Amino acid sequence: MKILVISNYFPPHFKGGYELSCKEVSDYLHQQGEEIMVLSGDYKKNEEEGRRDYRVVRKLTYIDYLSNDYWNKSKVEKQNYESTLRVLDRFKPDFVYFWNQQYISLGPYWAVKKKKIPHLFDIGDIWPTKYYRQGFRARLKGSVKRLLPFFIDSKMVIDPVIILSNWMKPLFKEKFYSKKIYTIPRGVTIKEGIEINSNIKEARFMFAGRIEPLKGLELIINVLAKLKEYQWKLDIYGDGEEEYISKIKFLIKEKLLEDRITLMGQVFPLDLAYQTHDIFLFPTLAQEGFGRVAIEAMSYGLPVITVNSYGPDDIVQDGINGFKCSPDKMDCWENSLKQILSDPALLIKMSQNALIRVEENYNIEKINKQRYEIIKELYYTK
């Protein structure tokens, strides 16, 4: 089977876990003997990539959705539509696998729809809402665009689709006309010989992710500022806009935590970091589709302190392999951290439970096989 994978970013030039998962699945499909091509955005397209066993074409252009230049937006949509058509004509895929389409427009989707090629969406976050506008004005605008020859527009139907968490199912049924919905989480490689630190004198907290307001760093720093009587340190891995990073640095200084909290910058991969920390902090305020970074941390035996909603709610079992709190319940965050800092036996037990949770539910070999079976089912029953 010839499979075309379409994604806004693709490693080694990527922004987050969504694209890492895309590559892992693409690699797996290639290993099963399928012929793979990836069509991606032109992010860092001229930088060295190293050897790869299948072709990656970085031809798609990104749209600035903050701009009011609708003509330029439509121009990029048309360009990506036509680029995709050329790739479809040249590669002649039997199946198209859509990943994150944010910033590259729906041009690739319309091209595949025009060619009537069997396809599947893999939704790691709710990027389709970026293209969904409610109200009469939005519907009228879409109708007008469909009538004009120099615009490309059609109804977006996200179907069939793989989602990562059950909370997403009503959204895709109601807004995106999804009928075939499969719920399959992300997976990680099961590690051998992970040893739990049983002699913790100073707890090492870890945060990893983009440094931006929706990731909840301010929340966790404010909570930790109340726990100075305990022995702990926090390492923050990630990058972001310099203006917001400066704000985080000021907050750390204001709370007199400069000797406790360290900004480590962007580090990839994070394997060594996971091995040298005890607890993972995931205080996200966003509508996370899942939380790949959380299961990565758990695969190294790190309990996770996170929110009690959206994707993280499916991953963490409260009081068993971590704690879950509402973002606005500061007492919950404080008490959860106090419990795990004051009870070494609890931390060890939660670490052991984190390893069990990952092995039983997020083994990447089993997860990838499930995705592959869906692709084959959709292709051979087309």
Protein backbone atom coordinates (compact mmCIF):
# COMPACT_ATOMS: atom_id res chain seq x y z
CA MET A 1 0.00 0.00 0.00
CA LYS A 2 1.24 3.51 -0.81
CA ILE A 3 0.46 5.85 2.08
CA LEU A 4 0.81 9.65 1.97
CA VAL A 5 1.18 11.24 5.40
CA ILE A 6 0.25 14.96 5.59
CA SER A 7 1.38 17.00 8.61
CA ASN A 8 2.15 20.64 9.34
CA TYR A 9 5.55 19.75 10.86
CA PHE A 10 7.66 16.62 10.73
CA PRO A 11 10.88 15.71 12.60
CA PRO A 12 13.67 16.55 12.79
CA HIS A 13 12.07 20.00 12.36
CA PHE A 14 9.10 20.06 14.69
CA LYS A 15 7.32 21.93 17.48
CA GLY A 16 5.95 19.26 19.84
CA GLY A 17 4.82 15.76 20.68
CA TYR A 18 2.17 15.62 17.95
CA GLU A 19 4.82 15.54 15.24
CA LEU A 20 6.97 13.04 17.14
CA SER A 21 4.01 10.67 17.23
CA CYS A 22 3.46 11.24 13.51
CA LYS A 23 7.02 10.15 12.79
CA GLU A 24 6.78 7.12 15.07
CA VAL A 25 3.65 5.88 13.30
CA SER A 26 5.15 6.64 9.85
CA ASP A 27 8.27 4.66 10.80
CA TYR A 28 6.12 1.77 11.98
CA LEU A 29 4.10 1.69 8.77
CA HIS A 30 7.31 1.72 6.75
CA GLN A 31 8.64 -1.18 8.85
CA GLN A 32 5.51 -3.15 7.98
CA GLY A 33 6.46 -2.93 4.33
CA GLU A 34 4.19 -0.06 3.26
CA GLU A 35 5.53 2.62 0.91
CA ILE A 36 5.47 5.95 2.75
CA MET A 37 5.79 9.55 1.63
CA VAL A 38 5.37 12.56 3.95
CA LEU A 39 4.06 15.93 2.76
CA SER A 40 4.80 18.63 5.31
CA GLY A 41 5.14 22.36 5.85
CA ASP A 42 8.34 24.11 4.75
CA TYR A 43 9.60 24.80 8.31
CA LYS A 44 13.44 24.70 8.19
CA LYS A 45 13.26 22.87 4.88
CA ASN A 46 16.83 23.81 3.94
CA GLU A 47 18.45 22.41 7.09
CA GLU A 48 20.23 19.06 7.20
CA GLU A 49 17.93 16.16 8.05
CA GLY A 50 20.09 13.05 7.91
CA ARG A 51 19.26 9.75 6.25
CA ARG A 52 15.65 8.54 6.22
CA ASP A 53 14.07 5.42 4.75
CA TYR A 54 11.22 7.26 3.07
CA ARG A 55 10.82 10.59 1.36
CA VAL A 56 9.72 13.77 3.16
CA VAL A 57 8.55 16.61 0.91
CA ARG A 58 8.43 20.00 2.64
CA LYS A 59 6.33 21.92 0.12
CA LEU A 60 3.39 23.34 2.09
CA THR A 61 3.31 27.01 3.07
CA TYR A 62 2.08 28.34 6.41
CA ILE A 63 -0.75 30.83 6.79
CA ASP A 64 -0.64 33.75 9.21
CA TYR A 65 -4.12 33.48 10.68
CA LEU A 66 -3.64 36.60 12.78
CA SER A 67 -3.44 38.67 9.61
CA ASN A 68 -6.50 40.39 8.15
CA ASP A 69 -5.19 39.89 4.63
CA TYR A 70 -7.87 37.44 3.44
CA TRP A 71 -6.61 37.57 -0.13
CA ASN A 72 -3.16 36.31 0.92
CA LYS A 73 -4.72 33.60 3.09
CA SER A 74 -6.73 32.33 0.16
CA LYS A 75 -3.63 32.51 -2.04
CA VAL A 76 -1.76 30.21 0.38
CA GLU A 77 -4.77 27.87 0.56
CA LYS A 78 -4.81 27.59 -3.21
CA GLN A 79 -1.04 27.10 -3.34
CA ASN A 80 -1.18 24.26 -0.81
CA TYR A 81 -4.16 22.76 -2.61
CA GLU A 82 -2.28 22.72 -5.90
CA SER A 83 0.95 21.45 -4.30
CA THR A 84 -0.97 18.56 -2.80
CA LEU A 85 -2.64 17.75 -6.11
CA ARG A 86 0.79 17.56 -7.77
CA VAL A 87 2.07 15.20 -5.06
CA LEU A 88 -1.06 13.06 -5.37
CA ASP A 89 -0.63 12.83 -9.13
CA ARG A 90 3.05 11.93 -8.84
CA PHE A 91 3.00 9.55 -5.85
CA LYS A 92 -0.48 8.10 -6.54
CA PRO A 93 -1.19 7.05 -2.93
CA ASP A 94 -3.70 4.36 -2.08
CA PHE A 95 -4.36 6.00 1.29
CA VAL A 96 -3.85 9.42 2.92
CA TYR A 97 -3.14 9.81 6.63
CA PHE A 98 -3.89 13.32 7.94
CA TRP A 99 -2.15 14.59 11.07
CA ASN A 100 -2.14 18.19 12.31
CA GLN A 101 -3.29 20.55 9.54
CA GLN A 102 -3.08 23.77 11.53
CA TYR A 103 -1.26 26.63 9.73
CA ILE A 104 -1.08 24.73 6.41
CA SER A 105 -4.78 25.41 5.67
CA LEU A 106 -7.36 22.91 4.53
CA GLY A 107 -5.97 22.99 0.98
CA PRO A 108 -4.44 19.48 1.33
CA TYR A 109 -7.73 18.11 2.65
CA TRP A 110 -9.71 19.60 -0.26
CA ALA A 111 -7.21 18.12 -2.75
CA VAL A 112 -7.58 14.63 -1.26
CA LYS A 113 -11.34 15.04 -1.16
CA LYS A 114 -11.35 16.01 -4.85
CA LYS A 115 -9.36 12.87 -5.74
CA LYS A 116 -11.67 10.70 -3.59
CA ILE A 117 -8.77 8.88 -1.94
CA PRO A 118 -9.47 6.81 1.23
CA HIS A 119 -8.11 8.68 4.22
CA LEU A 120 -7.93 8.88 8.01
CA PHE A 121 -7.46 11.72 10.50
CA ASP A 122 -5.32 11.30 13.63
CA ILE A 123 -6.29 14.06 16.06
CA GLY A 124 -3.80 14.88 18.82
CA ASP A 125 -5.32 18.25 19.72
CA ILE A 126 -8.40 20.15 18.64
CA TRP A 127 -6.84 21.98 15.69
CA PRO A 128 -10.05 21.56 13.57
CA THR A 129 -11.74 24.20 15.75
CA LYS A 130 -9.28 26.75 14.32
CA TYR A 131 -11.06 26.32 10.98
CA TYR A 132 -14.57 26.23 12.43
CA ARG A 133 -16.51 29.46 12.71
CA GLN A 134 -20.02 29.63 14.13
CA GLY A 135 -22.79 32.03 13.24
CA PHE A 136 -24.59 33.36 10.18
CA ARG A 137 -21.73 35.57 9.01
CA ALA A 138 -19.27 32.65 8.93
CA ARG A 139 -21.73 30.44 7.02
CA LEU A 140 -22.44 33.22 4.52
CA LYS A 141 -18.73 33.82 3.98
CA GLY A 142 -18.15 30.11 3.33
CA SER A 143 -21.04 29.97 0.87
CA VAL A 144 -19.73 32.97 -1.07
CA LYS A 145 -16.21 31.50 -1.22
CA ARG A 146 -17.56 28.27 -2.68
CA LEU A 147 -19.13 30.24 -5.54
CA LEU A 148 -16.04 32.21 -6.50
CA PRO A 149 -13.57 30.59 -8.95
CA PHE A 150 -10.44 32.02 -7.33
CA PHE A 151 -11.25 30.67 -3.87
CA ILE A 152 -11.09 27.06 -2.71
CA ASP A 153 -13.52 26.06 -0.02
CA SER A 154 -15.72 23.13 0.92
CA LYS A 155 -17.38 21.63 3.95
CA MET A 156 -14.91 20.09 6.38
CA VAL A 157 -15.83 16.56 7.48
CA ILE A 158 -13.40 14.92 9.92
CA ASP A 159 -14.22 11.31 9.18
CA PRO A 160 -13.02 8.66 9.81
CA VAL A 161 -10.94 9.83 12.75
CA ILE A 162 -8.73 8.55 15.55
CA ILE A 163 -9.04 10.58 18.76
CA LEU A 164 -6.86 10.19 21.83
CA SER A 165 -9.37 10.69 24.65
CA ASN A 166 -13.08 10.05 25.02
CA TRP A 167 -13.85 13.65 26.02
CA MET A 168 -13.25 14.60 22.36
CA LYS A 169 -15.94 12.29 20.95
CA PRO A 170 -19.03 14.57 21.38
CA LEU A 171 -17.11 17.49 19.86
CA PHE A 172 -16.28 15.59 16.68
CA LYS A 173 -19.73 14.10 16.36
CA GLU A 174 -21.50 17.43 16.68
CA LYS A 175 -19.15 19.87 14.93
CA PHE A 176 -17.23 17.84 12.38
CA TYR A 177 -19.80 15.24 11.30
CA SER A 178 -17.58 12.34 12.42
CA LYS A 179 -19.25 8.93 12.19
CA LYS A 180 -16.36 6.50 12.39
CA ILE A 181 -14.54 7.46 15.58
CA TYR A 182 -11.75 5.34 17.07
CA THR A 183 -10.28 6.13 20.50
CA ILE A 184 -6.61 5.14 20.67
CA PRO A 185 -4.08 6.93 22.91
CA ARG A 186 -0.46 7.68 22.15
CA GLY A 187 2.17 5.14 23.10
CA VAL A 188 5.75 5.00 24.36
CA THR A 189 8.51 2.44 24.24
CA ILE A 190 8.52 0.30 27.37
CA LYS A 191 11.84 0.77 29.16
CA GLU A 192 13.82 -2.12 30.60
CA GLY A 193 15.57 -1.99 33.95
CA ILE A 194 14.11 1.27 35.28
CA GLU A 195 15.18 1.65 38.91
CA ILE A 196 13.12 3.70 41.33
CA ASN A 197 15.12 6.08 43.53
CA SER A 198 14.43 4.87 47.07
CA ASN A 199 16.76 7.32 48.83
CA ILE A 200 15.37 10.76 48.01
CA LYS A 201 16.78 13.56 50.16
CA GLU A 202 15.83 16.38 47.81
CA ALA A 203 12.89 15.86 45.43
CA ARG A 204 13.64 16.77 41.82
CA PHE A 205 10.61 18.16 40.01
CA MET A 206 10.55 18.40 36.23
CA PHE A 207 8.47 20.38 33.73
CA ALA A 208 8.78 19.91 29.96
CA GLY A 209 6.86 21.74 27.27
CA ARG A 210 6.49 25.01 25.48
CA ILE A 211 6.86 27.95 27.85
CA GLU A 212 3.61 29.82 27.29
CA PRO A 213 0.66 30.96 29.47
CA LEU A 214 -1.54 27.92 28.77
CA LYS A 215 1.07 25.47 30.09
CA GLY A 216 0.45 26.55 33.70
CA LEU A 217 3.99 27.40 34.81
CA GLU A 218 2.87 30.45 36.78
CA LEU A 219 0.41 28.29 38.70
CA ILE A 220 3.03 25.77 39.75
CA ILE A 221 5.65 28.38 40.64
CA ASN A 222 3.15 30.16 42.89
CA VAL A 223 2.34 26.86 44.61
CA LEU A 224 5.96 25.87 45.08
CA ALA A 225 6.69 29.28 46.61
CA LYS A 226 4.54 28.17 49.56
CA LEU A 227 6.59 25.02 50.10
CA LYS A 228 10.01 26.42 50.91
CA GLU A 229 10.28 24.37 54.10
CA TYR A 230 10.55 21.20 51.99
CA GLN A 231 13.64 20.01 50.12
CA TRP A 232 12.97 20.27 46.38
CA LYS A 233 14.22 21.70 43.09
CA LEU A 234 12.47 22.26 39.76
CA ASP A 235 14.04 22.08 36.30
CA ILE A 236 12.05 23.60 33.43
CA TYR A 237 12.72 22.21 29.94
CA GLY A 238 11.41 24.06 26.89
CA ASP A 239 11.44 27.31 24.99
CA GLY A 240 8.95 29.99 24.02
CA GLU A 241 8.57 33.67 23.28
CA GLU A 242 11.29 35.70 24.97
CA GLU A 243 8.77 38.14 26.42
CA TYR A 244 6.94 35.40 28.32
CA ILE A 245 10.16 33.68 29.39
CA SER A 246 11.24 37.01 30.89
CA LYS A 247 7.97 37.10 32.80
CA ILE A 248 8.64 33.63 34.20
CA LYS A 249 12.18 34.65 35.20
CA PHE A 250 10.81 37.71 37.00
CA LEU A 251 8.24 35.57 38.86
CA ILE A 252 10.97 33.16 39.97
CA LYS A 253 13.05 36.08 41.22
CA GLU A 254 10.04 37.73 42.89
CA LYS A 255 9.26 34.52 44.80
CA LEU A 256 12.94 34.16 45.85
CA LEU A 257 13.26 30.81 44.10
CA GLU A 258 16.33 31.45 41.95
CA ASP A 259 18.32 28.80 43.85
CA ARG A 260 15.50 26.26 43.45
CA ILE A 261 14.17 26.69 39.89
CA THR A 262 16.32 26.44 36.78
CA LEU A 263 15.36 27.16 33.17
CA MET A 264 17.14 24.44 31.20
CA GLY A 265 16.15 25.58 27.71
CA GLN A 266 15.12 23.31 24.84
CA VAL A 267 16.50 19.79 25.24
CA PHE A 268 15.74 16.84 22.97
CA PRO A 269 15.53 13.99 23.58
CA LEU A 270 14.55 14.16 27.25
CA ASP A 271 15.55 10.62 28.21
CA LEU A 272 18.40 11.64 30.51
CA ALA A 273 16.26 14.34 32.12
CA TYR A 274 13.53 11.84 32.95
CA GLN A 275 16.12 9.54 34.51
CA THR A 276 17.47 12.25 36.83
CA HIS A 277 14.14 13.51 38.22
CA ASP A 278 11.55 12.15 40.62
CA ILE A 279 8.23 13.89 39.86
CA PHE A 280 6.74 15.33 36.67
CA LEU A 281 4.63 18.50 36.78
CA PHE A 282 2.00 18.92 34.05
CA PRO A 283 -0.17 21.89 35.16
CA THR A 284 -1.59 22.56 31.70
CA LEU A 285 -4.49 24.99 31.31
CA ALA A 286 -5.12 24.03 27.69
CA GLN A 287 -7.68 21.61 26.26
CA GLU A 288 -5.09 18.88 25.86
CA GLY A 289 -6.12 16.12 23.50
CA PHE A 290 -3.90 13.76 25.46
CA GLY A 291 -0.51 14.43 27.04
CA ARG A 292 2.31 12.49 25.42
CA VAL A 293 4.90 14.08 27.68
CA ALA A 294 3.06 12.71 30.73
CA ILE A 295 3.25 9.08 29.61
CA GLU A 296 6.89 9.58 28.61
CA ALA A 297 7.64 10.70 32.16
CA MET A 298 5.64 7.80 33.62
CA SER A 299 7.59 5.33 31.47
CA TYR A 300 10.65 6.35 33.55
CA GLY A 301 8.76 5.95 36.82
CA LEU A 302 7.84 9.59 37.44
CA PRO A 303 4.46 10.21 39.11
CA VAL A 304 2.56 13.05 37.41
CA ILE A 305 0.88 16.01 39.07
CA THR A 306 -1.64 17.40 36.62
CA VAL A 307 -5.14 18.71 35.97
CA ASN A 308 -8.38 16.75 36.38
CA SER A 309 -9.74 17.46 32.92
CA TYR A 310 -9.32 16.67 29.21
CA GLY A 311 -6.51 14.32 28.12
CA PRO A 312 -4.50 14.25 31.38
CA ASP A 313 -7.60 13.10 33.25
CA ASP A 314 -7.54 9.85 31.24
CA ILE A 315 -3.86 9.19 31.95
CA VAL A 316 -3.35 9.85 35.64
CA GLN A 317 -5.12 7.89 38.38
CA ASP A 318 -5.52 10.27 41.31
CA GLY A 319 -3.65 9.10 44.40
CA ILE A 320 -2.26 6.04 42.57
CA ASN A 321 0.31 7.19 40.00
CA GLY A 322 0.01 10.92 40.65
CA PHE A 323 -2.41 13.60 41.70
CA LYS A 324 -5.04 15.58 39.78
CA CYS A 325 -6.36 19.03 40.64
CA SER A 326 -8.59 21.67 39.12
CA PRO A 327 -6.48 24.62 37.91
CA ASP A 328 -8.38 27.01 40.17
CA LYS A 329 -8.02 24.90 43.34
CA MET A 330 -4.70 26.11 44.71
CA ASP A 331 -5.20 24.22 47.98
CA CYS A 332 -5.40 20.95 46.05
CA TRP A 333 -2.09 21.61 44.28
CA GLU A 334 -0.43 22.61 47.51
CA ASN A 335 -1.72 19.60 49.47
CA SER A 336 -0.82 17.18 46.67
CA LEU A 337 2.76 18.42 46.55
CA LYS A 338 2.99 18.35 50.35
CA GLN A 339 1.88 14.72 50.42
CA ILE A 340 4.42 13.55 47.89
CA LEU A 341 7.23 15.64 49.42
CA SER A 342 6.61 14.49 52.99
CA ASP A 343 6.05 10.79 52.37
CA PRO A 344 8.96 8.99 50.60
CA ALA A 345 7.09 5.66 50.73
CA LEU A 346 4.15 7.23 48.84
CA LEU A 347 6.49 8.62 46.18
CA ILE A 348 8.10 5.21 45.67
CA LYS A 349 4.71 3.48 45.42
CA MET A 350 3.42 6.04 42.93
CA SER A 351 6.58 5.61 40.86
CA GLN A 352 6.05 1.87 40.69
CA ASN A 353 2.39 2.39 39.74
CA ALA A 354 3.39 4.81 36.97
CA LEU A 355 5.53 2.09 35.36
CA ILE A 356 2.67 -0.42 35.60
CA ARG A 357 0.17 2.06 34.12
CA VAL A 358 2.34 2.68 31.06
CA GLU A 359 3.12 -0.97 30.46
CA GLU A 360 -0.55 -1.97 30.64
CA ASN A 361 -2.05 0.90 28.64
CA TYR A 362 0.52 2.75 26.50
CA ASN A 363 2.86 0.16 25.00
CA ILE A 364 3.74 1.71 21.64
CA GLU A 365 3.96 -1.64 19.84
CA LYS A 366 0.34 -2.43 20.71
CA ILE A 367 -0.80 1.15 20.01
CA ASN A 368 0.83 1.31 16.57
CA LYS A 369 -0.58 -2.08 15.63
CA GLN A 370 -4.09 -0.82 16.41
CA ARG A 371 -3.60 2.16 14.11
CA TYR A 372 -2.26 -0.06 11.35
CA GLU A 373 -5.24 -2.40 11.60
CA ILE A 374 -7.62 0.56 11.18
CA ILE A 375 -5.79 1.75 8.05
CA LYS A 376 -5.98 -1.72 6.52
CA GLU A 377 -9.66 -2.03 7.43
CA LEU A 378 -10.50 1.33 5.83
CA TYR A 379 -8.44 0.64 2.72
CA TYR A 380 -9.61 -2.89 2.01
CA THR A 381 -13.29 -2.12 2.65
CA LYS A 382 -13.34 1.07 0.56
